[in-house]
Amino acid sequence: MISHFQWKPLFKKERLPGWKISFYYKGTHYEGIYHKTGDIEWGRTYPPHDDEPELKNDIHELMLFHIYE
């Protein structure tokens, strides 16, 4: 489960093309860049391979709620 999800635009005046994201998942802090295509560039820490598809889906749902409401 994702907790403490935060996002902010990469550029101050634009809602696109991407956002910085950060959150905790299973006790580990993750950060990255969420692109308008739905792709995620992970920061220093990558999620476990088995968890990544579900995690990406959950992040996509959160971004749809916050950005494209």
PDB file of N, CA and C in Angstrom:
ATOM      1  N   MET A   1       0.830  -1.174   0.000  1.00  0.00           N
ATOM      2  CA  MET A   1       0.000   0.000   0.000  1.00  0.00           C
ATOM      3  C   MET A   1       0.883   1.250   0.000  1.00  0.00           C
ATOM      4  N   ILE A   2       0.539   2.197  -0.830  1.00  0.00           N
ATOM      5  CA  ILE A   2       1.271   3.458  -0.938  1.00  0.00           C
ATOM      6  C   ILE A   2       0.825   4.394   0.179  1.00  0.00           C
ATOM      7  N   SER A   3       1.798   5.044   0.816  1.00  0.00           N
ATOM      8  CA  SER A   3       1.463   6.046   1.826  1.00  0.00           C
ATOM      9  C   SER A   3       2.304   7.293   1.610  1.00  0.00           C
ATOM     10  N   HIS A   4       1.830   8.389   2.151  1.00  0.00           N
ATOM     11  CA  HIS A   4       2.519   9.687   2.074  1.00  0.00           C
ATOM     12  C   HIS A   4       2.834  10.075   0.630  1.00  0.00           C
ATOM     13  N   PHE A   5       1.880   9.849  -0.270  1.00  0.00           N
ATOM     14  CA  PHE A   5       2.076  10.167  -1.686  1.00  0.00           C
ATOM     15  C   PHE A   5       2.096  11.678  -1.879  1.00  0.00           C
ATOM     16  N   GLN A   6       3.131  12.171  -2.569  1.00  0.00           N
ATOM     17  CA  GLN A   6       3.257  13.587  -2.881  1.00  0.00           C
ATOM     18  C   GLN A   6       3.639  13.746  -4.345  1.00  0.00           C
ATOM     19  N   TRP A   7       3.196  14.833  -4.930  1.00  0.00           N
ATOM     20  CA  TRP A   7       3.540  15.137  -6.318  1.00  0.00           C
ATOM     21  C   TRP A   7       3.659  16.652  -6.464  1.00  0.00           C
ATOM     22  N   LYS A   8       4.457  17.053  -7.433  1.00  0.00           N
ATOM     23  CA  LYS A   8       4.541  18.466  -7.785  1.00  0.00           C
ATOM     24  C   LYS A   8       5.018  18.560  -9.229  1.00  0.00           C
ATOM     25  N   PRO A   9       4.583  19.596  -9.936  1.00  0.00           N
ATOM     26  CA  PRO A   9       4.981  19.764 -11.341  1.00  0.00           C
ATOM     27  C   PRO A   9       6.491  19.946 -11.475  1.00  0.00           C
ATOM     28  N   LEU A  10       7.024  19.469 -12.573  1.00  0.00           N
ATOM     29  CA  LEU A  10       8.443  19.691 -12.855  1.00  0.00           C
ATOM     30  C   LEU A  10       8.709  21.159 -13.160  1.00  0.00           C
ATOM     31  N   PHE A  11       7.713  21.820 -13.750  1.00  0.00           N
ATOM     32  CA  PHE A  11       7.848  23.230 -14.107  1.00  0.00           C
ATOM     33  C   PHE A  11       6.743  24.015 -13.422  1.00  0.00           C
ATOM     34  N   LYS A  12       7.042  25.183 -12.908  1.00  0.00           N
ATOM     35  CA  LYS A  12       6.095  25.947 -12.105  1.00  0.00           C
ATOM     36  C   LYS A  12       4.854  26.400 -12.863  1.00  0.00           C
ATOM     37  N   LYS A  13       4.990  26.794 -14.103  1.00  0.00           N
ATOM     38  CA  LYS A  13       3.864  27.383 -14.824  1.00  0.00           C
ATOM     39  C   LYS A  13       3.072  26.372 -15.650  1.00  0.00           C
ATOM     40  N   GLU A  14       3.509  25.158 -15.727  1.00  0.00           N
ATOM     41  CA  GLU A  14       2.841  24.188 -16.585  1.00  0.00           C
ATOM     42  C   GLU A  14       2.357  22.988 -15.785  1.00  0.00           C
ATOM     43  N   ARG A  15       1.234  22.441 -16.200  1.00  0.00           N
ATOM     44  CA  ARG A  15       0.738  21.210 -15.590  1.00  0.00           C
ATOM     45  C   ARG A  15       1.367  19.994 -16.257  1.00  0.00           C
ATOM     46  N   LEU A  16       1.863  20.168 -17.439  1.00  0.00           N
ATOM     47  CA  LEU A  16       2.536  19.092 -18.162  1.00  0.00           C
ATOM     48  C   LEU A  16       3.952  19.541 -18.427  1.00  0.00           C
ATOM     49  N   PRO A  17       4.904  18.779 -18.706  1.00  0.00           N
ATOM     50  CA  PRO A  17       4.878  17.412 -19.190  1.00  0.00           C
ATOM     51  C   PRO A  17       5.153  16.350 -18.143  1.00  0.00           C
ATOM     52  N   GLY A  18       5.448  16.697 -16.912  1.00  0.00           N
ATOM     53  CA  GLY A  18       5.750  15.654 -15.944  1.00  0.00           C
ATOM     54  C   GLY A  18       5.696  16.169 -14.528  1.00  0.00           C
ATOM     55  N   TRP A  19       5.788  15.230 -13.594  1.00  0.00           N
ATOM     56  CA  TRP A  19       5.675  15.561 -12.186  1.00  0.00           C
ATOM     57  C   TRP A  19       6.693  14.778 -11.378  1.00  0.00           C
ATOM     58  N   LYS A  20       7.203  15.401 -10.345  1.00  0.00           N
ATOM     59  CA  LYS A  20       8.037  14.692  -9.373  1.00  0.00           C
ATOM     60  C   LYS A  20       7.093  14.002  -8.406  1.00  0.00           C
ATOM     61  N   ILE A  21       7.362  12.746  -8.117  1.00  0.00           N
ATOM     62  CA  ILE A  21       6.532  12.003  -7.181  1.00  0.00           C
ATOM     63  C   ILE A  21       7.415  11.417  -6.080  1.00  0.00           C
ATOM     64  N   SER A  22       6.825  11.243  -4.919  1.00  0.00           N
ATOM     65  CA  SER A  22       7.514  10.548  -3.835  1.00  0.00           C
ATOM     66  C   SER A  22       6.458   9.890  -2.961  1.00  0.00           C
ATOM     67  N   PHE A  23       6.834   8.778  -2.340  1.00  0.00           N
ATOM     68  CA  PHE A  23       5.893   8.025  -1.525  1.00  0.00           C
ATOM     69  C   PHE A  23       6.642   6.925  -0.782  1.00  0.00           C
ATOM     70  N   TYR A  24       5.944   6.287   0.131  1.00  0.00           N
ATOM     71  CA  TYR A  24       6.462   5.111   0.822  1.00  0.00           C
ATOM     72  C   TYR A  24       5.647   3.901   0.378  1.00  0.00           C
ATOM     73  N   TYR A  25       6.343   2.802   0.200  1.00  0.00           N
ATOM     74  CA  TYR A  25       5.701   1.542  -0.166  1.00  0.00           C
ATOM     75  C   TYR A  25       6.425   0.424   0.573  1.00  0.00           C
ATOM     76  N   LYS A  26       5.685  -0.298   1.384  1.00  0.00           N
ATOM     77  CA  LYS A  26       6.249  -1.378   2.198  1.00  0.00           C
ATOM     78  C   LYS A  26       7.451  -0.896   3.021  1.00  0.00           C
ATOM     79  N   GLY A  27       7.318   0.320   3.566  1.00  0.00           N
ATOM     80  CA  GLY A  27       8.351   0.860   4.445  1.00  0.00           C
ATOM     81  C   GLY A  27       9.561   1.456   3.758  1.00  0.00           C
ATOM     82  N   THR A  28       9.579   1.480   2.434  1.00  0.00           N
ATOM     83  CA  THR A  28      10.709   2.025   1.680  1.00  0.00           C
ATOM     84  C   THR A  28      10.275   3.302   0.969  1.00  0.00           C
ATOM     85  N   HIS A  29      11.141   4.311   1.011  1.00  0.00           N
ATOM     86  CA  HIS A  29      10.860   5.576   0.339  1.00  0.00           C
ATOM     87  C   HIS A  29      11.264   5.478  -1.128  1.00  0.00           C
ATOM     88  N   TYR A  30      10.357   5.905  -2.008  1.00  0.00           N
ATOM     89  CA  TYR A  30      10.619   5.924  -3.451  1.00  0.00           C
ATOM     90  C   TYR A  30      10.363   7.326  -3.965  1.00  0.00           C
ATOM     91  N   GLU A  31      11.089   7.676  -5.002  1.00  0.00           N
ATOM     92  CA  GLU A  31      10.845   8.930  -5.702  1.00  0.00           C
ATOM     93  C   GLU A  31      11.151   8.724  -7.174  1.00  0.00           C
ATOM     94  N   GLY A  32      10.606   9.617  -7.966  1.00  0.00           N
ATOM     95  CA  GLY A  32      10.835   9.501  -9.397  1.00  0.00           C
ATOM     96  C   GLY A  32      10.116  10.602 -10.145  1.00  0.00           C
ATOM     97  N   ILE A  33      10.065  10.444 -11.450  1.00  0.00           N
ATOM     98  CA  ILE A  33       9.366  11.379 -12.321  1.00  0.00           C
ATOM     99  C   ILE A  33       8.271  10.611 -13.046  1.00  0.00           C
ATOM    100  N   TYR A  34       7.065  11.134 -12.940  1.00  0.00           N
ATOM    101  CA  TYR A  34       5.918  10.556 -13.632  1.00  0.00           C
ATOM    102  C   TYR A  34       5.705  11.366 -14.899  1.00  0.00           C
ATOM    103  N   HIS A  35       5.798  10.718 -16.059  1.00  0.00           N
ATOM    104  CA  HIS A  35       5.635  11.398 -17.344  1.00  0.00           C
ATOM    105  C   HIS A  35       4.176  11.359 -17.785  1.00  0.00           C
ATOM    106  N   LYS A  36       3.814  12.281 -18.663  1.00  0.00           N
ATOM    107  CA  LYS A  36       2.431  12.355 -19.133  1.00  0.00           C
ATOM    108  C   LYS A  36       2.001  11.081 -19.858  1.00  0.00           C
ATOM    109  N   THR A  37       2.941  10.283 -20.294  1.00  0.00           N
ATOM    110  CA  THR A  37       2.628   9.013 -20.953  1.00  0.00           C
ATOM    111  C   THR A  37       2.300   7.911 -19.948  1.00  0.00           C
ATOM    112  N   GLY A  38       2.523   8.191 -18.662  1.00  0.00           N
ATOM    113  CA  GLY A  38       2.309   7.192 -17.629  1.00  0.00           C
ATOM    114  C   GLY A  38       3.570   6.438 -17.262  1.00  0.00           C
ATOM    115  N   ASP A  39       4.651   6.700 -17.983  1.00  0.00           N
ATOM    116  CA  ASP A  39       5.930   6.067 -17.663  1.00  0.00           C
ATOM    117  C   ASP A  39       6.506   6.702 -16.400  1.00  0.00           C
ATOM    118  N   ILE A  40       7.257   5.909 -15.659  1.00  0.00           N
ATOM    119  CA  ILE A  40       7.886   6.392 -14.433  1.00  0.00           C
ATOM    120  C   ILE A  40       9.385   6.188 -14.523  1.00  0.00           C
ATOM    121  N   GLU A  41      10.126   7.257 -14.290  1.00  0.00           N
ATOM    122  CA  GLU A  41      11.581   7.173 -14.145  1.00  0.00           C
ATOM    123  C   GLU A  41      11.851   7.099 -12.658  1.00  0.00           C
ATOM    124  N   TRP A  42      12.316   5.962 -12.200  1.00  0.00           N
ATOM    125  CA  TRP A  42      12.577   5.792 -10.777  1.00  0.00           C
ATOM    126  C   TRP A  42      13.839   6.544 -10.384  1.00  0.00           C
ATOM    127  N   GLY A  43      13.878   7.000  -9.160  1.00  0.00           N
ATOM    128  CA  GLY A  43      15.059   7.676  -8.624  1.00  0.00           C
ATOM    129  C   GLY A  43      16.128   6.656  -8.260  1.00  0.00           C
ATOM    130  N   ARG A  44      16.705   6.803  -7.114  1.00  0.00           N
ATOM    131  CA  ARG A  44      17.797   5.918  -6.684  1.00  0.00           C
ATOM    132  C   ARG A  44      17.324   4.517  -6.337  1.00  0.00           C
ATOM    133  N   THR A  45      16.098   4.403  -5.847  1.00  0.00           N
ATOM    134  CA  THR A  45      15.590   3.124  -5.395  1.00  0.00           C
ATOM    135  C   THR A  45      14.535   2.606  -6.367  1.00  0.00           C
ATOM    136  N   TYR A  46      14.709   1.381  -6.812  1.00  0.00           N
ATOM    137  CA  TYR A  46      13.749   0.733  -7.697  1.00  0.00           C
ATOM    138  C   TYR A  46      12.888  -0.224  -6.890  1.00  0.00           C
ATOM    139  N   PRO A  47      11.595  -0.316  -7.208  1.00  0.00           N
ATOM    140  CA  PRO A  47      10.752  -1.273  -6.491  1.00  0.00           C
ATOM    141  C   PRO A  47      11.089  -2.705  -6.911  1.00  0.00           C
ATOM    142  N   PRO A  48      10.747  -3.680  -6.073  1.00  0.00           N
ATOM    143  CA  PRO A  48      10.960  -5.079  -6.462  1.00  0.00           C
ATOM    144  C   PRO A  48      10.238  -5.395  -7.774  1.00  0.00           C
ATOM    145  N   HIS A  49      10.860  -6.182  -8.604  1.00  0.00           N
ATOM    146  CA  HIS A  49      10.330  -6.500  -9.933  1.00  0.00           C
ATOM    147  C   HIS A  49       8.904  -7.037  -9.862  1.00  0.00           C
ATOM    148  N   ASP A  50       8.620  -7.889  -8.893  1.00  0.00           N
ATOM    149  CA  ASP A  50       7.283  -8.481  -8.777  1.00  0.00           C
ATOM    150  C   ASP A  50       6.225  -7.458  -8.374  1.00  0.00           C
ATOM    151  N   ASP A  51       6.606  -6.412  -7.658  1.00  0.00           N
ATOM    152  CA  ASP A  51       5.668  -5.391  -7.193  1.00  0.00           C
ATOM    153  C   ASP A  51       5.464  -4.258  -8.194  1.00  0.00           C
ATOM    154  N   GLU A  52       6.360  -4.109  -9.146  1.00  0.00           N
ATOM    155  CA  GLU A  52       6.347  -2.934 -10.012  1.00  0.00           C
ATOM    156  C   GLU A  52       5.061  -2.757 -10.822  1.00  0.00           C
ATOM    157  N   PRO A  53       4.500  -3.795 -11.460  1.00  0.00           N
ATOM    158  CA  PRO A  53       3.274  -3.559 -12.237  1.00  0.00           C
ATOM    159  C   PRO A  53       2.109  -3.043 -11.387  1.00  0.00           C
ATOM    160  N   GLU A  54       1.902  -3.622 -10.228  1.00  0.00           N
ATOM    161  CA  GLU A  54       0.814  -3.174  -9.354  1.00  0.00           C
ATOM    162  C   GLU A  54       1.095  -1.771  -8.828  1.00  0.00           C
ATOM    163  N   LEU A  55       2.338  -1.507  -8.486  1.00  0.00           N
ATOM    164  CA  LEU A  55       2.724  -0.199  -7.985  1.00  0.00           C
ATOM    165  C   LEU A  55       2.504   0.880  -9.045  1.00  0.00           C
ATOM    166  N   LYS A  56       2.905   0.609 -10.279  1.00  0.00           N
ATOM    167  CA  LYS A  56       2.687   1.570 -11.369  1.00  0.00           C
ATOM    168  C   LYS A  56       1.202   1.830 -11.572  1.00  0.00           C
ATOM    169  N   ASN A  57       0.404   0.788 -11.494  1.00  0.00           N
ATOM    170  CA  ASN A  57      -1.040   0.951 -11.647  1.00  0.00           C
ATOM    171  C   ASN A  57      -1.607   1.831 -10.540  1.00  0.00           C
ATOM    172  N   ASP A  58      -1.184   1.607  -9.306  1.00  0.00           N
ATOM    173  CA  ASP A  58      -1.659   2.408  -8.178  1.00  0.00           C
ATOM    174  C   ASP A  58      -1.242   3.875  -8.326  1.00  0.00           C
ATOM    175  N   ILE A  59      -0.018   4.111  -8.776  1.00  0.00           N
ATOM    176  CA  ILE A  59       0.453   5.483  -8.978  1.00  0.00           C
ATOM    177  C   ILE A  59      -0.337   6.153 -10.087  1.00  0.00           C
ATOM    178  N   HIS A  60      -0.600   5.416 -11.155  1.00  0.00           N
ATOM    179  CA  HIS A  60      -1.380   5.957 -12.263  1.00  0.00           C
ATOM    180  C   HIS A  60      -2.771   6.380 -11.776  1.00  0.00           C
ATOM    181  N   GLU A  61      -3.407   5.554 -10.966  1.00  0.00           N
ATOM    182  CA  GLU A  61      -4.720   5.888 -10.429  1.00  0.00           C
ATOM    183  C   GLU A  61      -4.656   7.152  -9.565  1.00  0.00           C
ATOM    184  N   LEU A  62      -3.632   7.270  -8.744  1.00  0.00           N
ATOM    185  CA  LEU A  62      -3.468   8.468  -7.916  1.00  0.00           C
ATOM    186  C   LEU A  62      -3.261   9.715  -8.772  1.00  0.00           C
ATOM    187  N   MET A  63      -2.461   9.589  -9.815  1.00  0.00           N
ATOM    188  CA  MET A  63      -2.207  10.735 -10.682  1.00  0.00           C
ATOM    189  C   MET A  63      -3.469  11.127 -11.454  1.00  0.00           C
ATOM    190  N   LEU A  64      -4.237  10.154 -11.889  1.00  0.00           N
ATOM    191  CA  LEU A  64      -5.506  10.473 -12.553  1.00  0.00           C
ATOM    192  C   LEU A  64      -6.418  11.269 -11.620  1.00  0.00           C
ATOM    193  N   PHE A  65      -6.458  10.865 -10.379  1.00  0.00           N
ATOM    194  CA  PHE A  65      -7.277  11.549  -9.392  1.00  0.00           C
ATOM    195  C   PHE A  65      -6.780  12.970  -9.144  1.00  0.00           C
ATOM    196  N   HIS A  66      -5.485  13.159  -8.974  1.00  0.00           N
ATOM    197  CA  HIS A  66      -4.939  14.471  -8.615  1.00  0.00           C
ATOM    198  C   HIS A  66      -4.764  15.419  -9.797  1.00  0.00           C
ATOM    199  N   ILE A  67      -4.339  14.909 -10.922  1.00  0.00           N
ATOM    200  CA  ILE A  67      -3.996  15.778 -12.053  1.00  0.00           C
ATOM    201  C   ILE A  67      -5.139  15.925 -13.054  1.00  0.00           C
ATOM    202  N   TYR A  68      -5.737  14.824 -13.409  1.00  0.00           N
ATOM    203  CA  TYR A  68      -6.733  14.838 -14.484  1.00  0.00           C
ATOM    204  C   TYR A  68      -8.162  14.818 -13.969  1.00  0.00           C
ATOM    205  N   GLU A  69      -8.371  15.242 -12.735  1.00  0.00           N
ATOM    206  CA  GLU A  69      -9.711  15.233 -12.143  1.00  0.00           C
ATOM    207  C   GLU A  69     -10.612  16.012 -12.985  1.00  0.00           C
TER     208      GLU A  69
END
